[in-house]
Amino acid sequence: NAHNFPLELASVEAPSTIG
């Protein structure tokens, strides 16, 4: 998710899906 949390930047290998 591109417009989620800054977590996207840190989770390059594991894209966050919190949104």
PDB file of N, CA and C in Angstrom:
ATOM      1  N   ASN A   1       0.855  -1.209   0.000  1.00  0.00           N
ATOM      2  CA  ASN A   1       0.000   0.000   0.000  1.00  0.00           C
ATOM      3  C   ASN A   1       0.884   1.250   0.000  1.00  0.00           C
ATOM      4  N   ALA A   2       0.723   2.071  -0.983  1.00  0.00           N
ATOM      5  CA  ALA A   2       1.597   3.239  -1.122  1.00  0.00           C
ATOM      6  C   ALA A   2       1.203   4.345  -0.155  1.00  0.00           C
ATOM      7  N   HIS A   3      -0.092   4.511   0.071  1.00  0.00           N
ATOM      8  CA  HIS A   3      -0.535   5.624   0.913  1.00  0.00           C
ATOM      9  C   HIS A   3      -1.013   5.134   2.276  1.00  0.00           C
ATOM     10  N   ASN A   4      -0.206   4.249   2.871  1.00  0.00           N
ATOM     11  CA  ASN A   4      -0.550   3.765   4.206  1.00  0.00           C
ATOM     12  C   ASN A   4       0.269   4.513   5.238  1.00  0.00           C
ATOM     13  N   PHE A   5       1.110   3.780   5.946  1.00  0.00           N
ATOM     14  CA  PHE A   5       1.964   4.372   6.955  1.00  0.00           C
ATOM     15  C   PHE A   5       3.392   4.413   6.428  1.00  0.00           C
ATOM     16  N   PRO A   6       4.263   5.155   7.072  1.00  0.00           N
ATOM     17  CA  PRO A   6       5.688   5.149   6.704  1.00  0.00           C
ATOM     18  C   PRO A   6       6.255   3.732   6.758  1.00  0.00           C
ATOM     19  N   LEU A   7       5.474   2.821   7.317  1.00  0.00           N
ATOM     20  CA  LEU A   7       5.892   1.429   7.397  1.00  0.00           C
ATOM     21  C   LEU A   7       6.213   0.879   6.018  1.00  0.00           C
ATOM     22  N   GLU A   8       5.529   1.392   5.008  1.00  0.00           N
ATOM     23  CA  GLU A   8       5.781   0.950   3.643  1.00  0.00           C
ATOM     24  C   GLU A   8       7.259   1.119   3.294  1.00  0.00           C
ATOM     25  N   LEU A   9       7.855   2.203   3.762  1.00  0.00           N
ATOM     26  CA  LEU A   9       9.246   2.478   3.449  1.00  0.00           C
ATOM     27  C   LEU A   9      10.158   1.467   4.136  1.00  0.00           C
ATOM     28  N   ALA A  10       9.772   1.087   5.344  1.00  0.00           N
ATOM     29  CA  ALA A  10      10.613   0.174   6.108  1.00  0.00           C
ATOM     30  C   ALA A  10      10.347  -1.268   5.707  1.00  0.00           C
ATOM     31  N   SER A  11       9.129  -1.537   5.252  1.00  0.00           N
ATOM     32  CA  SER A  11       8.772  -2.909   4.892  1.00  0.00           C
ATOM     33  C   SER A  11       8.854  -3.091   3.388  1.00  0.00           C
ATOM     34  N   VAL A  12      10.063  -3.099   2.870  1.00  0.00           N
ATOM     35  CA  VAL A  12      10.247  -3.249   1.435  1.00  0.00           C
ATOM     36  C   VAL A  12      10.072  -4.713   1.046  1.00  0.00           C
ATOM     37  N   GLU A  13      10.617  -5.584   1.884  1.00  0.00           N
ATOM     38  CA  GLU A  13      10.513  -7.010   1.592  1.00  0.00           C
ATOM     39  C   GLU A  13       9.141  -7.541   1.984  1.00  0.00           C
ATOM     40  N   ALA A  14       8.503  -6.871   2.945  1.00  0.00           N
ATOM     41  CA  ALA A  14       7.185  -7.308   3.399  1.00  0.00           C
ATOM     42  C   ALA A  14       6.240  -6.119   3.416  1.00  0.00           C
ATOM     43  N   PRO A  15       5.602  -5.836   2.292  1.00  0.00           N
ATOM     44  CA  PRO A  15       4.660  -4.721   2.190  1.00  0.00           C
ATOM     45  C   PRO A  15       3.596  -4.799   3.269  1.00  0.00           C
ATOM     46  N   SER A  16       3.382  -3.685   3.947  1.00  0.00           N
ATOM     47  CA  SER A  16       2.364  -3.670   4.996  1.00  0.00           C
ATOM     48  C   SER A  16       0.968  -3.622   4.401  1.00  0.00           C
ATOM     49  N   THR A  17       0.036  -4.237   5.073  1.00  0.00           N
ATOM     50  CA  THR A  17      -1.350  -4.249   4.592  1.00  0.00           C
ATOM     51  C   THR A  17      -2.265  -3.888   5.750  1.00  0.00           C
ATOM     52  N   ILE A  18      -1.958  -2.753   6.402  1.00  0.00           N
ATOM     53  CA  ILE A  18      -2.722  -2.357   7.581  1.00  0.00           C
ATOM     54  C   ILE A  18      -3.932  -1.513   7.186  1.00  0.00           C
ATOM     55  N   GLY A  19      -3.744  -0.676   6.151  1.00  0.00           N
ATOM     56  CA  GLY A  19      -4.795   0.232   5.719  1.00  0.00           C
ATOM     57  C   GLY A  19      -6.136  -0.480   5.616  1.00  0.00           C
TER      58      GLY A  19
END
